[in-house]
Amino acid sequence: QEARRYSVGSAAWRMVSTLATRDVLVVVTVLVVLVAALAARDRWRAPSGPWWSRVGTALGAWLVVQAAFLLVESAMWLPHVSELVVPLCLLAALRLPRTRVLVAPWVLGAVVWAASDWRFVRPGTYGRGTPERYVVPRIGGCPGGRIVTDEPGLAWRAGAGVPWSLVDTSVKQFDQGRITEATVLRAARDPRSSTVVVTDPNRLGRWPDLADRLGELGFRTVADRDGVRVLVRGCTPHPG
């Protein structure tokens, strides 16, 4: 399907950066285990006989094979990186230090995670410059109950739904022709759809004439900034 979007080097960086930002406590624990192992390398022996070494070898092989598969897979997306979490955790558990050694790194890791993912910890606290900050108030006042958008989360925050054809708006859906401009226009023609929100140049923003074609259906642009365009039909949205 020609789905590859990243080189192997880029995929490797995305793998490392994704683990570091989305699985902070796992990464912190693994680093502590590695540091402890290097500090005690002269005493690095399997504590329970040969079978323990075989377990470590098997888990290590699992991790290496899984990582290699993700690097060569033609469509490695960020959620797939979670496949590395289980072998990483099991490997760390083989030589897990005492809890008192881990408390400080875990507390620091929890603070880093909370700071980077605060919008998920407290939904509704939109960051400055994010589409939600000004899009959600605008689209919340239009009737119809459905929003045509490439970011379904915006519709959810506004208390609205999306057409069934746009429930999954991943880039792959567009690249493989499962979502086309005709798909979007068909959804926009539905009387229940009074709002269109374009947030991504690789999704709804990939068609330069989409706004004009939506204009033929009665939609008008009420907001266009920071790469986000809001079009409405038959309603006056909140000023936002």
Foldseek 3Di string as FASTA:
>chain_A
DQQADDALVVLVVLLVVLCCQVVVLLVLLLVLLVVVCVVVVVVDDQPPPDVLVVVLVVLVVLLVVLSVCLSPDRNNDSVSSVSNSVSSVVNSVSRGDDPVSSPVSNVVSVVSNCVSPVCVVPPPPDDPPDCLVQVLQFPLPDFLQEEAELDQVSSVSSRGGYPPLNPHNDLVCVVVVSDDLVNSVVRCLPPSYFKYKYADCSTPVVDVCSQVVVVVSAWDWDDDPPRMTMIGHPDGTDRD
